[in-house]
C-alpha atoms as a PDB file:
ATOM      1  CA  UNK A   1       0.635  -1.576   0.364  1.00  0.00           C
ATOM      2  CA  UNK A   2       3.240  -3.566  -0.872  1.00  0.00           C
ATOM      3  CA  UNK A   3       5.322  -2.478  -4.181  1.00  0.00           C
ATOM      4  CA  UNK A   4       4.967  -5.762  -6.206  1.00  0.00           C
ATOM      5  CA  UNK A   5       8.475  -4.517  -8.257  1.00  0.00           C
ATOM      6  CA  UNK A   6      10.799  -3.884  -5.129  1.00  0.00           C
ATOM      7  CA  UNK A   7       8.781  -5.475  -2.174  1.00  0.00           C
ATOM      8  CA  UNK A   8       9.207  -2.119  -0.167  1.00  0.00           C
ATOM      9  CA  UNK A   9       6.143  -1.047   1.932  1.00  0.00           C
ATOM     10  CA  UNK A  10       4.552   1.871  -0.244  1.00  0.00           C
ATOM     11  CA  UNK A  11       1.538   2.838   2.541  1.00  0.00           C
ATOM     12  CA  UNK A  12       0.530   1.883   5.898  1.00  0.00           C
ATOM     13  CA  UNK A  13      -2.883   2.899   7.807  1.00  0.00           C
ATOM     14  CA  UNK A  14      -3.149   2.501  11.395  1.00  0.00           C
ATOM     15  CA  UNK A  15      -6.955   2.579  13.251  1.00  0.00           C
ATOM     16  CA  UNK A  16      -8.180   1.384  16.660  1.00  0.00           C
ATOM     17  CA  UNK A  17      -9.242  -1.955  17.666  1.00  0.00           C
ATOM     18  CA  UNK A  18     -11.739  -4.051  15.874  1.00  0.00           C
ATOM     19  CA  UNK A  19     -11.580  -1.594  12.533  1.00  0.00           C
ATOM     20  CA  UNK A  20     -12.423  -3.721   9.360  1.00  0.00           C
ATOM     21  CA  UNK A  21      -9.879  -4.370   7.052  1.00  0.00           C
ATOM     22  CA  UNK A  22     -12.022  -3.024   4.254  1.00  0.00           C
ATOM     23  CA  UNK A  23     -12.156   0.116   5.918  1.00  0.00           C
ATOM     24  CA  UNK A  24      -8.883   0.414   6.011  1.00  0.00           C
ATOM     25  CA  UNK A  25      -7.920  -0.800   2.763  1.00  0.00           C
ATOM     26  CA  UNK A  26     -10.504   2.148   1.267  1.00  0.00           C
ATOM     27  CA  UNK A  27      -8.356   4.913   3.413  1.00  0.00           C
ATOM     28  CA  UNK A  28      -4.859   3.432   1.463  1.00  0.00           C
ATOM     29  CA  UNK A  29      -6.458   3.735  -2.024  1.00  0.00           C
ATOM     30  CA  UNK A  30      -5.308   7.384  -1.702  1.00  0.00           C
ATOM     31  CA  UNK A  31      -1.807   6.119  -1.888  1.00  0.00           C
ATOM     32  CA  UNK A  32      -2.536   4.704  -5.579  1.00  0.00           C
ATOM     33  CA  UNK A  33      -1.324   6.507  -8.422  1.00  0.00           C
ATOM     34  CA  UNK A  34      -2.308   6.887 -12.055  1.00  0.00           C
ATOM     35  CA  UNK A  35      -2.263   3.616 -14.071  1.00  0.00           C
ATOM     36  CA  UNK A  36      -1.209   1.630 -11.098  1.00  0.00           C
ATOM     37  CA  UNK A  37      -2.590  -2.022 -10.575  1.00  0.00           C
ATOM     38  CA  UNK A  38      -3.678  -3.249  -7.399  1.00  0.00           C
ATOM     39  CA  UNK A  39      -3.551  -6.889  -6.156  1.00  0.00           C
ATOM     40  CA  UNK A  40      -5.860  -8.415  -3.523  1.00  0.00           C
ATOM     41  CA  UNK A  41      -7.582 -11.090  -2.409  1.00  0.00           C
ATOM     42  CA  UNK A  42     -10.873 -12.238  -2.313  1.00  0.00           C
ATOM     43  CA  UNK A  43     -11.820  -9.991   1.030  1.00  0.00           C
ATOM     44  CA  UNK A  44     -11.490  -6.664  -1.264  1.00  0.00           C
ATOM     45  CA  UNK A  45     -13.677  -7.851  -4.549  1.00  0.00           C
ATOM     46  CA  UNK A  46     -16.496  -5.698  -3.829  1.00  0.00           C
ATOM     47  CA  UNK A  47     -18.550  -3.557  -6.049  1.00  0.00           C
ATOM     48  CA  UNK A  48     -17.648  -0.370  -4.407  1.00  0.00           C
ATOM     49  CA  UNK A  49     -14.016  -0.930  -4.443  1.00  0.00           C
ATOM     50  CA  UNK A  50     -13.959  -1.813  -8.220  1.00  0.00           C
ATOM     51  CA  UNK A  51     -15.805   1.496  -8.962  1.00  0.00           C
ATOM     52  CA  UNK A  52     -13.316   3.554  -6.637  1.00  0.00           C
ATOM     53  CA  UNK A  53     -10.361   1.985  -7.989  1.00  0.00           C
ATOM     54  CA  UNK A  54     -11.013   2.543 -11.708  1.00  0.00           C
ATOM     55  CA  UNK A  55     -12.238   6.094 -10.530  1.00  0.00           C
ATOM     56  CA  UNK A  56      -8.561   6.789  -9.689  1.00  0.00           C
ATOM     57  CA  UNK A  57      -7.253   6.013 -12.617  1.00  0.00           C
ATOM     58  CA  UNK A  58      -6.200   2.549 -11.491  1.00  0.00           C
ATOM     59  CA  UNK A  59      -7.189  -0.980 -11.925  1.00  0.00           C
ATOM     60  CA  UNK A  60      -7.698  -4.092  -9.792  1.00  0.00           C
ATOM     61  CA  UNK A  61      -6.538  -7.444  -9.940  1.00  0.00           C
ATOM     62  CA  UNK A  62      -8.941  -9.495  -7.199  1.00  0.00           C
ATOM     63  CA  UNK A  63     -10.077 -12.858  -6.523  1.00  0.00           C
ATOM     64  CA  UNK A  64     -13.490 -13.544  -6.787  1.00  0.00           C
ATOM     65  CA  UNK A  65     -15.475 -13.170  -3.656  1.00  0.00           C
ATOM     66  CA  UNK A  66     -16.919 -16.582  -2.262  1.00  0.00           C
ATOM     67  CA  UNK A  67     -20.285 -14.742  -1.907  1.00  0.00           C
ATOM     68  CA  UNK A  68     -20.575 -14.613  -6.049  1.00  0.00           C
ATOM     69  CA  UNK A  69     -21.689 -17.715  -8.001  1.00  0.00           C
ATOM     70  CA  UNK A  70     -19.609 -18.437 -10.840  1.00  0.00           C
ATOM     71  CA  UNK A  71     -21.965 -19.475 -14.064  1.00  0.00           C
ATOM     72  CA  UNK A  72     -21.083 -19.672 -17.750  1.00  0.00           C
ATOM     73  CA  UNK A  73     -24.704 -18.683 -19.056  1.00  0.00           C
ATOM     74  CA  UNK A  74     -24.180 -14.702 -18.628  1.00  0.00           C
ATOM     75  CA  UNK A  75     -21.525 -12.435 -19.823  1.00  0.00           C
ATOM     76  CA  UNK A  76     -19.779 -12.256 -22.885  1.00  0.00           C
ATOM     77  CA  UNK A  77     -16.912 -14.517 -23.923  1.00  0.00           C
ATOM     78  CA  UNK A  78     -13.777 -13.186 -24.910  1.00  0.00           C
ATOM     79  CA  UNK A  79     -11.501 -16.291 -24.840  1.00  0.00           C
ATOM     80  CA  UNK A  80     -10.929 -19.639 -23.050  1.00  0.00           C
ATOM     81  CA  UNK A  81     -12.230 -18.677 -19.744  1.00  0.00           C
ATOM     82  CA  UNK A  82     -12.575 -15.280 -20.088  1.00  0.00           C
ATOM     83  CA  UNK A  83     -15.387 -13.500 -19.742  1.00  0.00           C
ATOM     84  CA  UNK A  84     -17.001  -9.990 -19.667  1.00  0.00           C
ATOM     85  CA  UNK A  85     -19.760  -9.699 -17.064  1.00  0.00           C
ATOM     86  CA  UNK A  86     -22.068  -6.699 -15.582  1.00  0.00           C
ATOM     87  CA  UNK A  87     -22.183  -6.143 -11.911  1.00  0.00           C
ATOM     88  CA  UNK A  88     -25.457  -4.247 -10.948  1.00  0.00           C
ATOM     89  CA  UNK A  89     -25.425  -2.079  -7.638  1.00  0.00           C
ATOM     90  CA  UNK A  90     -26.544  -3.768  -4.526  1.00  0.00           C
ATOM     91  CA  UNK A  91     -30.105  -3.341  -3.305  1.00  0.00           C
ATOM     92  CA  UNK A  92     -29.092  -1.750   0.016  1.00  0.00           C
ATOM     93  CA  UNK A  93     -25.970  -0.136   1.179  1.00  0.00           C
ATOM     94  CA  UNK A  94     -23.234  -2.407   2.744  1.00  0.00           C
ATOM     95  CA  UNK A  95     -21.675  -1.792   6.125  1.00  0.00           C
ATOM     96  CA  UNK A  96     -19.063  -0.505   5.025  1.00  0.00           C
ATOM     97  CA  UNK A  97     -20.105   2.528   3.023  1.00  0.00           C
ATOM     98  CA  UNK A  98     -21.925   5.540   4.276  1.00  0.00           C
ATOM     99  CA  UNK A  99     -24.818   6.696   2.599  1.00  0.00           C
ATOM    100  CA  UNK A 100     -23.971   9.369   0.395  1.00  0.00           C
ATOM    101  CA  UNK A 101     -21.034   6.792  -0.780  1.00  0.00           C
ATOM    102  CA  UNK A 102     -23.564   4.274  -1.506  1.00  0.00           C
ATOM    103  CA  UNK A 103     -25.298   6.939  -3.358  1.00  0.00           C
ATOM    104  CA  UNK A 104     -22.650   7.854  -5.914  1.00  0.00           C
ATOM    105  CA  UNK A 105     -21.872   4.311  -6.712  1.00  0.00           C
ATOM    106  CA  UNK A 106     -23.374   3.832 -10.751  1.00  0.00           C
ATOM    107  CA  UNK A 107     -26.120   1.370 -11.275  1.00  0.00           C
ATOM    108  CA  UNK A 108     -23.827  -1.224 -13.082  1.00  0.00           C
ATOM    109  CA  UNK A 109     -20.226  -1.774 -13.833  1.00  0.00           C
ATOM    110  CA  UNK A 110     -18.250  -4.192 -16.405  1.00  0.00           C
ATOM    111  CA  UNK A 111     -15.634  -6.403 -15.466  1.00  0.00           C
ATOM    112  CA  UNK A 112     -13.672  -9.062 -16.379  1.00  0.00           C
ATOM    113  CA  UNK A 113     -13.696 -12.359 -15.038  1.00  0.00           C
ATOM    114  CA  UNK A 114     -11.033 -15.378 -15.416  1.00  0.00           C
ATOM    115  CA  UNK A 115     -11.037 -18.724 -14.275  1.00  0.00           C
ATOM    116  CA  UNK A 116      -9.021 -21.567 -14.076  1.00  0.00           C
ATOM    117  CA  UNK A 117      -8.091 -24.960 -12.235  1.00  0.00           C
ATOM    118  CA  UNK A 118      -4.678 -25.658 -10.296  1.00  0.00           C
ATOM    119  CA  UNK A 119      -3.678 -29.070 -10.730  1.00  0.00           C
ATOM    120  CA  UNK A 120      -0.584 -28.727  -8.423  1.00  0.00           C
ATOM    121  CA  UNK A 121      -0.547 -31.546  -6.038  1.00  0.00           C
ATOM    122  CA  UNK A 122      -0.871 -30.424  -2.361  1.00  0.00           C
ATOM    123  CA  UNK A 123      -2.686 -27.295  -3.511  1.00  0.00           C
ATOM    124  CA  UNK A 124      -5.785 -26.128  -1.282  1.00  0.00           C
ATOM    125  CA  UNK A 125      -7.267 -24.311  -4.024  1.00  0.00           C
ATOM    126  CA  UNK A 126      -8.275 -26.055  -7.169  1.00  0.00           C
ATOM    127  CA  UNK A 127     -10.117 -23.592  -8.748  1.00  0.00           C
ATOM    128  CA  UNK A 128      -9.611 -19.709  -8.679  1.00  0.00           C
ATOM    129  CA  UNK A 129     -12.052 -16.983 -10.343  1.00  0.00           C
ATOM    130  CA  UNK A 130     -10.511 -13.846 -11.006  1.00  0.00           C
ATOM    131  CA  UNK A 131     -12.072 -10.218 -11.265  1.00  0.00           C
ATOM    132  CA  UNK A 132     -10.549  -7.352 -12.814  1.00  0.00           C
ATOM    133  CA  UNK A 133     -11.181  -4.087 -14.569  1.00  0.00           C
ATOM    134  CA  UNK A 134      -8.325  -4.725 -17.056  1.00  0.00           C
ATOM    135  CA  UNK A 135     -11.237  -5.029 -19.828  1.00  0.00           C
ATOM    136  CA  UNK A 136      -8.728  -4.975 -23.161  1.00  0.00           C
ATOM    137  CA  UNK A 137      -8.056  -8.673 -23.861  1.00  0.00           C
ATOM    138  CA  UNK A 138      -5.330  -7.642 -26.695  1.00  0.00           C
ATOM    139  CA  UNK A 139      -3.326  -5.505 -24.463  1.00  0.00           C
ATOM    140  CA  UNK A 140      -3.758  -7.961 -21.217  1.00  0.00           C
ATOM    141  CA  UNK A 141      -3.820 -11.593 -21.896  1.00  0.00           C
ATOM    142  CA  UNK A 142      -5.394 -14.091 -20.122  1.00  0.00           C
ATOM    143  CA  UNK A 143      -2.245 -15.999 -19.156  1.00  0.00           C
ATOM    144  CA  UNK A 144      -0.609 -12.398 -17.976  1.00  0.00           C
ATOM    145  CA  UNK A 145      -3.149 -11.639 -15.477  1.00  0.00           C
ATOM    146  CA  UNK A 146      -2.805 -15.387 -14.315  1.00  0.00           C
ATOM    147  CA  UNK A 147       0.429 -14.877 -13.756  1.00  0.00           C
ATOM    148  CA  UNK A 148       0.027 -11.394 -12.228  1.00  0.00           C
ATOM    149  CA  UNK A 149      -2.170 -12.575  -9.816  1.00  0.00           C
ATOM    150  CA  UNK A 150       0.254 -15.632  -8.861  1.00  0.00           C
ATOM    151  CA  UNK A 151       2.797 -13.137  -8.035  1.00  0.00           C
ATOM    152  CA  UNK A 152       0.058 -11.858  -4.998  1.00  0.00           C
ATOM    153  CA  UNK A 153       1.653 -14.454  -2.815  1.00  0.00           C
ATOM    154  CA  UNK A 154       4.589 -12.191  -2.330  1.00  0.00           C
ATOM    155  CA  UNK A 155       2.391  -9.554  -0.142  1.00  0.00           C
ATOM    156  CA  UNK A 156       2.375 -12.738   2.330  1.00  0.00           C
ATOM    157  CA  UNK A 157       6.051 -13.255   2.269  1.00  0.00           C
ATOM    158  CA  UNK A 158       6.932  -9.818   2.807  1.00  0.00           C
ATOM    159  CA  UNK A 159       4.547  -9.637   5.444  1.00  0.00           C
ATOM    160  CA  UNK A 160       6.612 -12.791   7.195  1.00  0.00           C
ATOM    161  CA  UNK A 161       9.829 -10.694   6.764  1.00  0.00           C
ATOM    162  CA  UNK A 162       8.213  -7.635   8.487  1.00  0.00           C
ATOM    163  CA  UNK A 163       7.235  -9.643  11.591  1.00  0.00           C
ATOM    164  CA  UNK A 164       9.319 -12.817  11.695  1.00  0.00           C
ATOM    165  CA  UNK A 165      12.536 -11.992  10.185  1.00  0.00           C
ATOM    166  CA  UNK A 166      12.545  -8.372  11.875  1.00  0.00           C
ATOM    167  CA  UNK A 167      10.855  -9.240  14.853  1.00  0.00           C
ATOM    168  CA  UNK A 168       7.804  -6.766  14.803  1.00  0.00           C
ATOM    169  CA  UNK A 169       5.206  -9.641  15.689  1.00  0.00           C
ATOM    170  CA  UNK A 170       5.509  -8.852  19.400  1.00  0.00           C
ATOM    171  CA  UNK A 171       5.426  -4.868  19.822  1.00  0.00           C
ATOM    172  CA  UNK A 172       6.793  -3.967  23.244  1.00  0.00           C
ATOM    173  CA  UNK A 173       5.646  -0.250  23.574  1.00  0.00           C
ATOM    174  CA  UNK A 174       3.141   0.538  26.118  1.00  0.00           C
ATOM    175  CA  UNK A 175       1.141   3.656  24.402  1.00  0.00           C
ATOM    176  CA  UNK A 176      -0.267   4.221  21.180  1.00  0.00           C
ATOM    177  CA  UNK A 177       1.830   7.014  20.272  1.00  0.00           C
ATOM    178  CA  UNK A 178       4.920   4.884  20.657  1.00  0.00           C
ATOM    179  CA  UNK A 179       3.456   1.402  19.138  1.00  0.00           C
ATOM    180  CA  UNK A 180       2.910   3.875  16.210  1.00  0.00           C
ATOM    181  CA  UNK A 181       6.642   4.972  16.100  1.00  0.00           C
ATOM    182  CA  UNK A 182       8.072   1.452  17.177  1.00  0.00           C
ATOM    183  CA  UNK A 183       6.018   0.013  13.683  1.00  0.00           C
ATOM    184  CA  UNK A 184       7.156   3.154  11.913  1.00  0.00           C
ATOM    185  CA  UNK A 185      10.937   2.210  12.666  1.00  0.00           C
ATOM    186  CA  UNK A 186      10.427  -1.163  11.848  1.00  0.00           C
ATOM    187  CA  UNK A 187       9.049  -0.304   8.462  1.00  0.00           C
ATOM    188  CA  UNK A 188      11.857   2.293   7.888  1.00  0.00           C
ATOM    189  CA  UNK A 189      14.468  -0.833   8.330  1.00  0.00           C
ATOM    190  CA  UNK A 190      12.723  -2.904   6.191  1.00  0.00           C
ATOM    191  CA  UNK A 191      12.918  -0.559   3.530  1.00  0.00           C
ATOM    192  CA  UNK A 192      16.029   0.149   4.247  1.00  0.00           C
ATOM    193  CA  UNK A 193      16.954  -3.445   3.364  1.00  0.00           C
ATOM    194  CA  UNK A 194      14.519  -3.338   0.463  1.00  0.00           C
ATOM    195  CA  UNK A 195      16.623  -0.406  -1.187  1.00  0.00           C
ATOM    196  CA  UNK A 196      19.586  -2.004  -0.486  1.00  0.00           C
ATOM    197  CA  UNK A 197      18.507  -5.344  -2.346  1.00  0.00           C
ATOM    198  CA  UNK A 198      17.126  -2.757  -5.365  1.00  0.00           C
ATOM    199  CA  UNK A 199      20.637  -1.262  -5.598  1.00  0.00           C
ATOM    200  CA  UNK A 200      22.475  -4.545  -5.514  1.00  0.00           C
ATOM    201  CA  UNK A 201      20.294  -6.238  -7.696  1.00  0.00           C
ATOM    202  CA  UNK A 202      19.994  -3.461 -10.287  1.00  0.00           C
ATOM    203  CA  UNK A 203      23.742  -2.870 -10.720  1.00  0.00           C
ATOM    204  CA  UNK A 204      24.537  -6.423 -10.809  1.00  0.00           C
ATOM    205  CA  UNK A 205      21.751  -7.908 -12.925  1.00  0.00           C
ATOM    206  CA  UNK A 206      19.996 -10.018 -10.090  1.00  0.00           C
ATOM    207  CA  UNK A 207      16.268  -9.757  -9.844  1.00  0.00           C
ATOM    208  CA  UNK A 208      15.563  -8.023  -6.367  1.00  0.00           C
ATOM    209  CA  UNK A 209      13.065  -9.626  -5.361  1.00  0.00           C
ATOM    210  CA  UNK A 210      15.456 -13.268  -5.601  1.00  0.00           C
ATOM    211  CA  UNK A 211      17.729 -11.587  -2.877  1.00  0.00           C
ATOM    212  CA  UNK A 212      17.570 -13.285   0.361  1.00  0.00           C
ATOM    213  CA  UNK A 213      16.607 -10.457   2.839  1.00  0.00           C
ATOM    214  CA  UNK A 214      17.814 -12.067   5.946  1.00  0.00           C
ATOM    215  CA  UNK A 215      20.940 -12.272   4.132  1.00  0.00           C
ATOM    216  CA  UNK A 216      20.792  -8.993   3.296  1.00  0.00           C
ATOM    217  CA  UNK A 217      20.177  -7.955   6.934  1.00  0.00           C
ATOM    218  CA  UNK A 218      23.380  -9.736   8.151  1.00  0.00           C
ATOM    219  CA  UNK A 219      25.885  -8.415   6.072  1.00  0.00           C
ATOM    220  CA  UNK A 220      24.652  -4.982   6.680  1.00  0.00           C
ATOM    221  CA  UNK A 221      25.289  -5.362  10.113  1.00  0.00           C
ATOM    222  CA  UNK A 222      28.568  -7.172   9.592  1.00  0.00           C
ATOM    223  CA  UNK A 223      29.674  -3.880   7.278  1.00  0.00           C
ATOM    224  CA  UNK A 224      28.133  -1.354   9.723  1.00  0.00           C
ATOM    225  CA  UNK A 225      31.479  -0.727  11.763  1.00  0.00           C
ATOM    226  CA  UNK A 226      33.639  -0.745   8.506  1.00  0.00           C
ATOM    227  CA  UNK A 227      31.495   1.790   6.990  1.00  0.00           C
ATOM    228  CA  UNK A 228      31.310   4.003  10.280  1.00  0.00           C
ATOM    229  CA  UNK A 229      35.157   3.933  10.515  1.00  0.00           C
ATOM    230  CA  UNK A 230      35.861   4.480   6.832  1.00  0.00           C
ATOM    231  CA  UNK A 231      36.414   7.855   5.148  1.00  0.00           C
ATOM    232  CA  UNK A 232      33.943   9.277   2.726  1.00  0.00           C
ATOM    233  CA  UNK A 233      36.278   7.939  -0.167  1.00  0.00           C
ATOM    234  CA  UNK A 234      36.714   4.695   1.556  1.00  0.00           C
ATOM    235  CA  UNK A 235      33.420   4.496   2.484  1.00  0.00           C
ATOM    236  CA  UNK A 236      31.953   4.384  -1.005  1.00  0.00           C
ATOM    237  CA  UNK A 237      34.178   1.319  -2.196  1.00  0.00           C
ATOM    238  CA  UNK A 238      33.080  -0.594   0.730  1.00  0.00           C
ATOM    239  CA  UNK A 239      29.605   0.152   0.005  1.00  0.00           C
ATOM    240  CA  UNK A 240      30.136  -1.335  -3.320  1.00  0.00           C
ATOM    241  CA  UNK A 241      31.800  -4.315  -1.920  1.00  0.00           C
ATOM    242  CA  UNK A 242      28.415  -4.703   0.408  1.00  0.00           C
ATOM    243  CA  UNK A 243      26.291  -4.625  -2.837  1.00  0.00           C
ATOM    244  CA  UNK A 244      28.238  -7.106  -4.290  1.00  0.00           C
ATOM    245  CA  UNK A 245      28.061  -9.275  -1.595  1.00  0.00           C
ATOM    246  CA  UNK A 246      24.302  -9.084  -1.413  1.00  0.00           C
ATOM    247  CA  UNK A 247      23.919  -9.881  -5.040  1.00  0.00           C
ATOM    248  CA  UNK A 248      25.521 -13.153  -4.707  1.00  0.00           C
ATOM    249  CA  UNK A 249      22.856 -13.977  -2.076  1.00  0.00           C
ATOM    250  CA  UNK A 250      20.266 -15.109  -4.594  1.00  0.00           C
ATOM    251  CA  UNK A 251      17.594 -17.333  -3.632  1.00  0.00           C
ATOM    252  CA  UNK A 252      16.591 -19.650  -6.605  1.00  0.00           C
ATOM    253  CA  UNK A 253      12.945 -19.796  -8.176  1.00  0.00           C
ATOM    254  CA  UNK A 254      11.006 -22.671  -6.538  1.00  0.00           C
ATOM    255  CA  UNK A 255       7.673 -22.774  -8.407  1.00  0.00           C
ATOM    256  CA  UNK A 256       4.973 -24.910  -7.132  1.00  0.00           C
ATOM    257  CA  UNK A 257       7.254 -25.232  -3.645  1.00  0.00           C
ATOM    258  CA  UNK A 258       4.806 -26.954  -0.885  1.00  0.00           C
ATOM    259  CA  UNK A 259       5.521 -27.721   3.142  1.00  0.00           C
ATOM    260  CA  UNK A 260       3.336 -29.153   5.436  1.00  0.00           C
ATOM    261  CA  UNK A 261       1.158 -26.854   7.778  1.00  0.00           C
ATOM    262  CA  UNK A 262       2.494 -27.678  10.668  1.00  0.00           C
ATOM    263  CA  UNK A 263       4.877 -25.985  13.760  1.00  0.00           C
ATOM    264  CA  UNK A 264       8.298 -27.525  14.134  1.00  0.00           C
ATOM    265  CA  UNK A 265       8.488 -26.459  17.844  1.00  0.00           C
ATOM    266  CA  UNK A 266       6.734 -28.048  20.440  1.00  0.00           C
ATOM    267  CA  UNK A 267       5.105 -25.386  22.651  1.00  0.00           C
ATOM    268  CA  UNK A 268       5.918 -25.121  26.585  1.00  0.00           C
ATOM    269  CA  UNK A 269       3.243 -26.752  28.453  1.00  0.00           C
ATOM    270  CA  UNK A 270       2.500 -23.794  30.534  1.00  0.00           C
ATOM    271  CA  UNK A 271      -0.545 -21.398  30.698  1.00  0.00           C
ATOM    272  CA  UNK A 272      -0.867 -18.147  29.317  1.00  0.00           C
ATOM    273  CA  UNK A 273       0.034 -15.220  31.288  1.00  0.00           C
ATOM    274  CA  UNK A 274      -3.454 -13.262  31.739  1.00  0.00           C
ATOM    275  CA  UNK A 275      -3.002 -11.593  35.095  1.00  0.00           C
ATOM    276  CA  UNK A 276      -0.397  -8.615  35.876  1.00  0.00           C
ATOM    277  CA  UNK A 277       2.860 -10.400  37.017  1.00  0.00           C
ATOM    278  CA  UNK A 278       2.193  -8.762  40.356  1.00  0.00           C
ATOM    279  CA  UNK A 279      -0.650 -10.438  40.922  1.00  0.00           C
ATOM    280  CA  UNK A 280       0.563 -13.920  39.825  1.00  0.00           C
ATOM    281  CA  UNK A 281       3.381 -13.686  42.426  1.00  0.00           C
ATOM    282  CA  UNK A 282       0.474 -12.935  45.135  1.00  0.00           C
ATOM    283  CA  UNK A 283      -1.084 -16.405  44.027  1.00  0.00           C
ATOM    284  CA  UNK A 284       2.262 -18.192  44.330  1.00  0.00           C
ATOM    285  CA  UNK A 285       3.075 -16.538  48.156  1.00  0.00           C
ATOM    286  CA  UNK A 286      -0.600 -17.581  49.226  1.00  0.00           C
ATOM    287  CA  UNK A 287      -0.480 -20.894  47.719  1.00  0.00           C
END
């Protein structure tokens, strides 16, 4: 779970292999605080999740699941492409819920549905339907909710930074306990960079999310020898210089930017390593 304001990782859940994403997500709900708004894609738009989040004193903005059909004939219209609809409790218990959790669900809930069209060239999605528990249109306008959901893509960039920029796409430890430590160390380094970006942005009036995480990483590495060798009084001055340099690494806002979904580098024409190295060496010796 990431913070939309800072990009920092605020919650983590690790479980055994083949655990469904919904089960993991429901464990993360305990980290939510009152009045938080949770953004998510269509995979998390379920009846039980909407009720659970609202029960915690929070709200949700999810893209509507593809299994639910959109119709204008049902619901109370409160604006252009905006209506209140009633969802009813499923007739059978979903796989991700226990019997007690299913029995605790109310017979129905009221949610708000907002749908709009995307006419930007090269975008794969042309129509989007949002489901939210923010029912008051006077406090939460249609355009504000649409704009809020548009920022959900930031979490994909945050994940890319952790896996690609910091190199967590390949974990090198061998035991479960060490893998957990490795993941936490990566997140610790990631949040350290995010804290530097937040400090630099707030001091020099630059949006922290518009700063370059890779640039921040490079500057921190270059400044570390000076910070270690400096006295306590000089260290503070070097730190302020570091923040000033980071603040000047702003990435320009490029709305509706599109790139081809292709790989730049051609993979090598070698088979995958599916056996231990000593067995492959024996095959070479016997061949």
